[in-house]
Amino acid sequence: MVILESRVDPAWVDYNGHMNDAEYARVFSLAVEALMERIGLNAAGRARHGYTIYTLETHLCYRRETLEGEPLAVTLTLLDRDAKRLHVFFELFDAEDSLLAASEQMLMGIDSVAGRPAPFPAPIETAIAALPHADTSAWPELAGRTIGIRRR
């Protein structure tokens, strides 16, 4: 499921002539906002439900560079979930469907009034259930990775 479409903004280009590494994180942050809108947590939904989502953890894998003005598409797959958390996987593609980067994230539902984790409100829960879920037999290759120097 494509959750976000964008282009490489000129302000995102670094001294190497391609999109700066921090800007990949920005694009995935924008994808979280697009996800929130998709499930009913836009500004009006956040106010109505007194509810929002925080990012707890992010793993970002870079695969290819991209240049100013190039189109971008971010896809979403829900890896896992419970009553308050979403384990999501985003992939960033260029116009030729080449993988540019991937971001695995743990998101937490928050009661905005209490400032504490809380179960998803019923309408949000229903919208989450409609998201594309990962097939456990086809887990994305870049999901669940750890960082470290591999020794042989």
N, C-alpha and C. Protein backbone atom coordinates (compact mmCIF):
# COMPACT_ATOMS: atom_id res chain seq x y z
N MET A 1 0.84 -1.17 0.00
CA MET A 1 0.00 0.00 0.00
C MET A 1 0.90 1.24 0.00
N VAL A 2 0.72 2.10 -0.99
CA VAL A 2 1.45 3.37 -1.02
C VAL A 2 0.76 4.31 -0.04
N ILE A 3 1.51 4.77 0.95
CA ILE A 3 0.97 5.63 2.00
C ILE A 3 1.35 7.09 1.77
N LEU A 4 2.42 7.33 0.97
CA LEU A 4 2.90 8.69 0.76
C LEU A 4 3.61 8.78 -0.59
N GLU A 5 3.33 9.85 -1.31
CA GLU A 5 4.07 10.17 -2.53
C GLU A 5 4.63 11.58 -2.38
N SER A 6 5.87 11.77 -2.83
CA SER A 6 6.53 13.05 -2.69
C SER A 6 7.61 13.18 -3.76
N ARG A 7 8.42 14.21 -3.65
CA ARG A 7 9.59 14.42 -4.50
C ARG A 7 10.74 14.87 -3.62
N VAL A 8 11.95 14.64 -4.07
CA VAL A 8 13.12 15.11 -3.34
C VAL A 8 13.17 16.63 -3.44
N ASP A 9 12.93 17.27 -2.31
CA ASP A 9 12.94 18.73 -2.23
C ASP A 9 14.37 19.24 -2.39
N PRO A 10 14.58 20.36 -3.08
CA PRO A 10 15.95 20.91 -3.22
C PRO A 10 16.64 21.13 -1.88
N ALA A 11 15.88 21.48 -0.83
CA ALA A 11 16.47 21.71 0.49
C ALA A 11 16.98 20.41 1.13
N TRP A 12 16.58 19.27 0.61
CA TRP A 12 16.99 17.99 1.16
C TRP A 12 18.31 17.49 0.59
N VAL A 13 18.84 18.15 -0.42
CA VAL A 13 20.04 17.69 -1.13
C VAL A 13 21.28 18.19 -0.39
N ASP A 14 22.25 17.30 -0.20
CA ASP A 14 23.44 17.65 0.56
C ASP A 14 24.64 17.95 -0.34
N TYR A 15 25.78 18.08 0.29
CA TYR A 15 27.04 18.41 -0.39
C TYR A 15 27.51 17.33 -1.35
N ASN A 16 26.96 16.13 -1.28
CA ASN A 16 27.29 15.06 -2.21
C ASN A 16 26.38 15.08 -3.44
N GLY A 17 25.38 15.97 -3.45
CA GLY A 17 24.48 16.08 -4.59
C GLY A 17 23.30 15.14 -4.55
N HIS A 18 23.12 14.43 -3.43
CA HIS A 18 21.95 13.56 -3.32
C HIS A 18 21.22 13.84 -2.00
N MET A 19 20.08 13.19 -1.81
CA MET A 19 19.28 13.43 -0.62
C MET A 19 20.08 13.07 0.63
N ASN A 20 20.15 14.00 1.57
CA ASN A 20 20.87 13.82 2.82
C ASN A 20 20.25 12.69 3.64
N ASP A 21 21.08 11.99 4.40
CA ASP A 21 20.57 10.86 5.19
C ASP A 21 19.47 11.26 6.16
N ALA A 22 19.56 12.43 6.75
CA ALA A 22 18.52 12.88 7.68
C ALA A 22 17.18 13.07 6.98
N GLU A 23 17.21 13.39 5.70
CA GLU A 23 15.97 13.63 4.96
C GLU A 23 15.22 12.34 4.67
N TYR A 24 15.92 11.21 4.62
CA TYR A 24 15.23 9.93 4.50
C TYR A 24 14.37 9.74 5.74
N ALA A 25 14.94 10.07 6.92
CA ALA A 25 14.17 9.98 8.16
C ALA A 25 12.96 10.92 8.11
N ARG A 26 13.14 12.11 7.52
CA ARG A 26 12.02 13.05 7.39
C ARG A 26 10.90 12.43 6.55
N VAL A 27 11.26 11.81 5.44
CA VAL A 27 10.26 11.20 4.57
C VAL A 27 9.50 10.11 5.33
N PHE A 28 10.20 9.29 6.11
CA PHE A 28 9.51 8.25 6.87
C PHE A 28 8.66 8.85 7.99
N SER A 29 9.08 9.98 8.55
CA SER A 29 8.25 10.68 9.53
C SER A 29 6.96 11.19 8.88
N LEU A 30 7.09 11.71 7.67
CA LEU A 30 5.91 12.14 6.92
C LEU A 30 5.00 10.95 6.62
N ALA A 31 5.60 9.78 6.42
CA ALA A 31 4.80 8.57 6.18
C ALA A 31 4.01 8.19 7.44
N VAL A 32 4.59 8.38 8.62
CA VAL A 32 3.85 8.13 9.86
C VAL A 32 2.66 9.07 9.94
N GLU A 33 2.86 10.34 9.58
CA GLU A 33 1.75 11.29 9.58
C GLU A 33 0.67 10.87 8.58
N ALA A 34 1.09 10.37 7.42
CA ALA A 34 0.12 9.89 6.42
C ALA A 34 -0.63 8.68 6.96
N LEU A 35 0.06 7.79 7.66
CA LEU A 35 -0.59 6.65 8.30
C LEU A 35 -1.62 7.13 9.31
N MET A 36 -1.25 8.11 10.12
CA MET A 36 -2.18 8.63 11.11
C MET A 36 -3.44 9.17 10.43
N GLU A 37 -3.26 9.90 9.35
CA GLU A 37 -4.43 10.39 8.60
C GLU A 37 -5.27 9.24 8.08
N ARG A 38 -4.61 8.20 7.56
CA ARG A 38 -5.31 7.04 6.99
C ARG A 38 -6.19 6.36 8.01
N ILE A 39 -5.74 6.31 9.26
CA ILE A 39 -6.51 5.58 10.29
C ILE A 39 -7.41 6.50 11.11
N GLY A 40 -7.51 7.76 10.71
CA GLY A 40 -8.44 8.66 11.37
C GLY A 40 -7.85 9.54 12.45
N LEU A 41 -6.52 9.64 12.47
CA LEU A 41 -5.88 10.48 13.48
C LEU A 41 -5.27 11.73 12.85
N ASN A 42 -6.03 12.35 11.93
CA ASN A 42 -5.63 13.67 11.45
C ASN A 42 -5.89 14.65 12.59
N ALA A 43 -5.73 15.96 12.35
CA ALA A 43 -5.91 16.94 13.44
C ALA A 43 -7.28 16.83 14.08
N ALA A 44 -8.33 16.70 13.27
CA ALA A 44 -9.68 16.59 13.82
C ALA A 44 -9.86 15.29 14.61
N GLY A 45 -9.32 14.19 14.09
CA GLY A 45 -9.43 12.90 14.78
C GLY A 45 -8.66 12.88 16.09
N ARG A 46 -7.48 13.51 16.10
CA ARG A 46 -6.72 13.58 17.35
C ARG A 46 -7.49 14.37 18.40
N ALA A 47 -8.11 15.48 17.98
CA ALA A 47 -8.90 16.29 18.92
C ALA A 47 -10.14 15.54 19.40
N ARG A 48 -10.85 14.89 18.47
CA ARG A 48 -12.09 14.18 18.81
C ARG A 48 -11.82 13.02 19.79
N HIS A 49 -10.75 12.27 19.53
CA HIS A 49 -10.47 11.09 20.34
C HIS A 49 -9.56 11.38 21.53
N GLY A 50 -8.93 12.57 21.55
CA GLY A 50 -7.95 12.85 22.60
C GLY A 50 -6.83 11.83 22.55
N TYR A 51 -6.36 11.56 21.35
CA TYR A 51 -5.46 10.43 21.12
C TYR A 51 -4.46 10.77 20.03
N THR A 52 -3.24 10.26 20.16
CA THR A 52 -2.22 10.46 19.15
C THR A 52 -1.30 9.24 19.11
N ILE A 53 -0.28 9.33 18.29
CA ILE A 53 0.71 8.25 18.17
C ILE A 53 2.10 8.85 18.35
N TYR A 54 2.93 8.17 19.15
CA TYR A 54 4.34 8.52 19.31
C TYR A 54 5.18 7.43 18.67
N THR A 55 6.36 7.83 18.20
CA THR A 55 7.34 6.88 17.68
C THR A 55 8.26 6.48 18.82
N LEU A 56 8.36 5.17 19.08
CA LEU A 56 9.21 4.66 20.15
C LEU A 56 10.60 4.27 19.66
N GLU A 57 10.66 3.72 18.43
CA GLU A 57 11.94 3.21 17.93
C GLU A 57 11.89 3.19 16.41
N THR A 58 13.03 3.48 15.81
CA THR A 58 13.14 3.48 14.35
C THR A 58 14.46 2.83 13.94
N HIS A 59 14.39 1.97 12.95
CA HIS A 59 15.59 1.41 12.30
C HIS A 59 15.51 1.80 10.83
N LEU A 60 16.56 2.43 10.32
CA LEU A 60 16.55 2.91 8.94
C LEU A 60 17.70 2.26 8.18
N CYS A 61 17.38 1.65 7.05
CA CYS A 61 18.39 1.03 6.18
C CYS A 61 18.42 1.79 4.85
N TYR A 62 19.59 2.27 4.48
CA TYR A 62 19.77 2.98 3.22
C TYR A 62 20.22 2.00 2.15
N ARG A 63 19.63 2.10 0.97
CA ARG A 63 19.99 1.19 -0.12
C ARG A 63 20.53 1.90 -1.37
N ARG A 64 19.97 3.05 -1.70
CA ARG A 64 20.42 3.78 -2.91
C ARG A 64 20.25 5.27 -2.68
N GLU A 65 21.05 6.03 -3.40
CA GLU A 65 20.90 7.48 -3.33
C GLU A 65 19.79 7.93 -4.27
N THR A 66 19.30 9.13 -4.02
CA THR A 66 18.29 9.72 -4.88
C THR A 66 18.61 11.21 -5.02
N LEU A 67 18.18 11.79 -6.12
CA LEU A 67 18.60 13.14 -6.49
C LEU A 67 17.44 14.13 -6.44
N GLU A 68 17.79 15.40 -6.44
CA GLU A 68 16.81 16.48 -6.39
C GLU A 68 15.71 16.31 -7.44
N GLY A 69 14.48 16.49 -6.99
CA GLY A 69 13.33 16.46 -7.89
C GLY A 69 12.79 15.07 -8.20
N GLU A 70 13.53 14.03 -7.84
CA GLU A 70 13.07 12.67 -8.18
C GLU A 70 11.82 12.32 -7.38
N PRO A 71 10.87 11.63 -8.02
CA PRO A 71 9.65 11.21 -7.32
C PRO A 71 9.96 10.10 -6.31
N LEU A 72 9.19 10.11 -5.24
CA LEU A 72 9.34 9.13 -4.16
C LEU A 72 7.98 8.54 -3.83
N ALA A 73 7.98 7.26 -3.47
CA ALA A 73 6.76 6.60 -3.00
C ALA A 73 7.12 5.76 -1.79
N VAL A 74 6.33 5.88 -0.74
CA VAL A 74 6.55 5.10 0.48
C VAL A 74 5.40 4.12 0.63
N THR A 75 5.75 2.85 0.79
CA THR A 75 4.75 1.81 1.04
C THR A 75 4.75 1.44 2.52
N LEU A 76 3.64 0.90 2.96
CA LEU A 76 3.45 0.51 4.36
C LEU A 76 3.03 -0.94 4.45
N THR A 77 3.64 -1.65 5.38
CA THR A 77 3.19 -2.99 5.76
C THR A 77 3.15 -3.04 7.28
N LEU A 78 2.06 -3.52 7.82
CA LEU A 78 1.93 -3.70 9.27
C LEU A 78 2.53 -5.07 9.61
N LEU A 79 3.61 -5.05 10.41
CA LEU A 79 4.27 -6.30 10.77
C LEU A 79 3.59 -6.99 11.95
N ASP A 80 3.16 -6.18 12.91
CA ASP A 80 2.52 -6.73 14.10
C ASP A 80 1.78 -5.60 14.80
N ARG A 81 0.96 -5.97 15.76
CA ARG A 81 0.22 -4.96 16.52
C ARG A 81 -0.36 -5.58 17.77
N ASP A 82 -0.67 -4.73 18.72
CA ASP A 82 -1.46 -5.14 19.87
C ASP A 82 -2.43 -4.01 20.17
N ALA A 83 -2.99 -3.96 21.34
CA ALA A 83 -4.03 -2.98 21.66
C ALA A 83 -3.54 -1.53 21.62
N LYS A 84 -2.22 -1.31 21.82
CA LYS A 84 -1.68 0.04 21.89
C LYS A 84 -0.53 0.30 20.94
N ARG A 85 0.04 -0.71 20.35
CA ARG A 85 1.26 -0.53 19.55
C ARG A 85 1.09 -1.03 18.12
N LEU A 86 1.87 -0.39 17.24
CA LEU A 86 1.96 -0.81 15.84
C LEU A 86 3.43 -1.02 15.50
N HIS A 87 3.75 -2.16 14.96
CA HIS A 87 5.08 -2.46 14.45
C HIS A 87 4.96 -2.36 12.94
N VAL A 88 5.49 -1.27 12.37
CA VAL A 88 5.28 -0.99 10.95
C VAL A 88 6.59 -1.06 10.18
N PHE A 89 6.44 -1.28 8.88
CA PHE A 89 7.59 -1.35 7.97
C PHE A 89 7.28 -0.51 6.75
N PHE A 90 8.11 0.49 6.53
CA PHE A 90 7.98 1.37 5.37
C PHE A 90 9.11 1.08 4.40
N GLU A 91 8.81 1.15 3.10
CA GLU A 91 9.83 1.07 2.07
C GLU A 91 9.70 2.29 1.17
N LEU A 92 10.84 2.88 0.82
CA LEU A 92 10.90 4.07 -0.01
C LEU A 92 11.42 3.68 -1.39
N PHE A 93 10.64 4.00 -2.42
CA PHE A 93 10.97 3.64 -3.79
C PHE A 93 11.09 4.87 -4.68
N ASP A 94 11.86 4.74 -5.75
CA ASP A 94 11.93 5.79 -6.75
C ASP A 94 10.94 5.49 -7.88
N ALA A 95 10.97 6.27 -8.94
CA ALA A 95 10.01 6.13 -10.04
C ALA A 95 10.15 4.80 -10.77
N GLU A 96 11.33 4.17 -10.71
CA GLU A 96 11.55 2.88 -11.37
C GLU A 96 11.32 1.71 -10.42
N ASP A 97 10.72 1.97 -9.25
CA ASP A 97 10.48 0.96 -8.22
C ASP A 97 11.75 0.36 -7.65
N SER A 98 12.84 1.13 -7.68
CA SER A 98 14.06 0.69 -7.01
C SER A 98 13.96 1.08 -5.54
N LEU A 99 14.34 0.16 -4.68
CA LEU A 99 14.29 0.41 -3.24
C LEU A 99 15.41 1.38 -2.87
N LEU A 100 15.02 2.51 -2.27
CA LEU A 100 15.98 3.51 -1.83
C LEU A 100 16.34 3.34 -0.35
N ALA A 101 15.35 2.99 0.46
CA ALA A 101 15.56 2.84 1.90
C ALA A 101 14.36 2.13 2.51
N ALA A 102 14.56 1.65 3.73
CA ALA A 102 13.48 1.02 4.48
C ALA A 102 13.55 1.49 5.92
N SER A 103 12.41 1.60 6.56
CA SER A 103 12.35 2.02 7.95
C SER A 103 11.36 1.13 8.70
N GLU A 104 11.87 0.49 9.73
CA GLU A 104 11.04 -0.33 10.61
C GLU A 104 10.81 0.49 11.88
N GLN A 105 9.56 0.59 12.32
CA GLN A 105 9.25 1.47 13.44
C GLN A 105 8.27 0.82 14.41
N MET A 106 8.44 1.18 15.67
CA MET A 106 7.49 0.81 16.71
C MET A 106 6.77 2.09 17.11
N LEU A 107 5.46 2.09 16.96
CA LEU A 107 4.63 3.24 17.27
C LEU A 107 3.73 2.91 18.46
N MET A 108 3.48 3.91 19.30
CA MET A 108 2.67 3.71 20.50
C MET A 108 1.49 4.66 20.49
N GLY A 109 0.30 4.12 20.75
CA GLY A 109 -0.89 4.94 20.90
C GLY A 109 -0.90 5.61 22.26
N ILE A 110 -1.21 6.91 22.26
CA ILE A 110 -1.13 7.72 23.48
C ILE A 110 -2.44 8.47 23.72
N ASP A 111 -2.95 8.37 24.94
CA ASP A 111 -4.06 9.20 25.39
C ASP A 111 -3.48 10.60 25.59
N SER A 112 -3.88 11.55 24.76
CA SER A 112 -3.31 12.90 24.79
C SER A 112 -3.59 13.63 26.09
N VAL A 113 -4.73 13.38 26.70
CA VAL A 113 -5.09 14.07 27.94
C VAL A 113 -4.24 13.55 29.10
N ALA A 114 -4.15 12.24 29.22
CA ALA A 114 -3.38 11.63 30.31
C ALA A 114 -1.88 11.64 30.02
N GLY A 115 -1.51 11.72 28.73
CA GLY A 115 -0.10 11.67 28.37
C GLY A 115 0.51 10.30 28.60
N ARG A 116 -0.33 9.27 28.48
CA ARG A 116 0.11 7.90 28.74
C ARG A 116 -0.35 6.96 27.62
N PRO A 117 0.34 5.83 27.46
CA PRO A 117 -0.13 4.84 26.49
C PRO A 117 -1.55 4.40 26.81
N ALA A 118 -2.32 4.14 25.76
CA ALA A 118 -3.71 3.71 25.93
C ALA A 118 -4.12 2.91 24.70
N PRO A 119 -5.09 2.01 24.85
CA PRO A 119 -5.58 1.24 23.70
C PRO A 119 -6.14 2.17 22.62
N PHE A 120 -6.06 1.70 21.39
CA PHE A 120 -6.62 2.47 20.27
C PHE A 120 -8.13 2.62 20.43
N PRO A 121 -8.66 3.82 20.20
CA PRO A 121 -10.12 3.98 20.20
C PRO A 121 -10.74 3.06 19.13
N ALA A 122 -11.97 2.63 19.35
CA ALA A 122 -12.63 1.66 18.48
C ALA A 122 -12.59 2.03 16.99
N PRO A 123 -12.89 3.27 16.58
CA PRO A 123 -12.84 3.58 15.15
C PRO A 123 -11.42 3.48 14.57
N ILE A 124 -10.43 3.81 15.39
CA ILE A 124 -9.04 3.72 14.95
C ILE A 124 -8.65 2.25 14.84
N GLU A 125 -9.07 1.46 15.79
CA GLU A 125 -8.83 0.00 15.78
C GLU A 125 -9.38 -0.61 14.49
N THR A 126 -10.57 -0.22 14.10
CA THR A 126 -11.19 -0.73 12.87
C THR A 126 -10.36 -0.35 11.65
N ALA A 127 -9.90 0.89 11.59
CA ALA A 127 -9.09 1.35 10.46
C ALA A 127 -7.75 0.62 10.42
N ILE A 128 -7.16 0.35 11.57
CA ILE A 128 -5.89 -0.38 11.62
C ILE A 128 -6.07 -1.80 11.09
N ALA A 129 -7.19 -2.42 11.42
CA ALA A 129 -7.45 -3.79 10.96
C ALA A 129 -7.50 -3.88 9.44
N ALA A 130 -7.80 -2.76 8.77
CA ALA A 130 -7.88 -2.76 7.30
C ALA A 130 -6.53 -2.53 6.62
N LEU A 131 -5.48 -2.26 7.39
CA LEU A 131 -4.15 -2.03 6.80
C LEU A 131 -3.57 -3.34 6.28
N PRO A 132 -2.67 -3.26 5.30
CA PRO A 132 -2.03 -4.49 4.81
C PRO A 132 -1.09 -5.07 5.86
N HIS A 133 -1.29 -6.32 6.18
CA HIS A 133 -0.49 -7.02 7.18
C HIS A 133 0.55 -7.89 6.50
N ALA A 134 1.70 -8.03 7.12
CA ALA A 134 2.76 -8.89 6.59
C ALA A 134 2.33 -10.35 6.70
N ASP A 135 2.64 -11.08 5.68
CA ASP A 135 2.46 -12.52 5.69
C ASP A 135 3.65 -13.09 6.46
N THR A 136 3.41 -13.84 7.51
CA THR A 136 4.51 -14.35 8.33
C THR A 136 5.47 -15.22 7.54
N SER A 137 5.04 -15.78 6.42
CA SER A 137 5.95 -16.58 5.60
C SER A 137 6.74 -15.71 4.62
N ALA A 138 6.39 -14.43 4.54
CA ALA A 138 7.09 -13.53 3.60
C ALA A 138 7.47 -12.23 4.31
N TRP A 139 8.08 -12.35 5.49
CA TRP A 139 8.52 -11.20 6.26
C TRP A 139 9.51 -10.40 5.42
N PRO A 140 9.41 -9.08 5.38
CA PRO A 140 10.35 -8.28 4.57
C PRO A 140 11.80 -8.55 4.97
N GLU A 141 12.66 -8.68 3.98
CA GLU A 141 14.06 -9.03 4.22
C GLU A 141 14.76 -8.06 5.17
N LEU A 142 14.45 -6.78 5.07
CA LEU A 142 15.13 -5.78 5.89
C LEU A 142 14.48 -5.57 7.26
N ALA A 143 13.43 -6.29 7.56
CA ALA A 143 12.76 -6.16 8.86
C ALA A 143 13.44 -7.04 9.90
N GLY A 144 13.48 -6.57 11.13
CA GLY A 144 14.02 -7.37 12.23
C GLY A 144 15.53 -7.43 12.28
N ARG A 145 16.19 -6.54 11.58
CA ARG A 145 17.65 -6.55 11.55
C ARG A 145 18.24 -5.95 12.82
N THR A 146 19.43 -6.37 13.14
CA THR A 146 20.18 -5.74 14.22
C THR A 146 21.41 -5.10 13.60
N ILE A 147 21.99 -4.15 14.31
CA ILE A 147 23.17 -3.48 13.82
C ILE A 147 24.40 -4.09 14.51
N GLY A 148 25.47 -4.23 13.78
CA GLY A 148 26.70 -4.76 14.36
C GLY A 148 27.68 -5.13 13.26
N ILE A 149 28.91 -5.29 13.63
CA ILE A 149 29.96 -5.71 12.70
C ILE A 149 29.96 -7.23 12.69
N ARG A 150 29.71 -7.79 11.53
CA ARG A 150 29.67 -9.26 11.43
C ARG A 150 31.09 -9.82 11.41
N ARG A 151 31.35 -10.74 12.29
CA ARG A 151 32.66 -11.41 12.36
C ARG A 151 32.54 -12.78 11.72
N ARG A 152 33.55 -13.17 11.04
CA ARG A 152 33.54 -14.50 10.39
C ARG A 152 34.42 -15.46 11.11
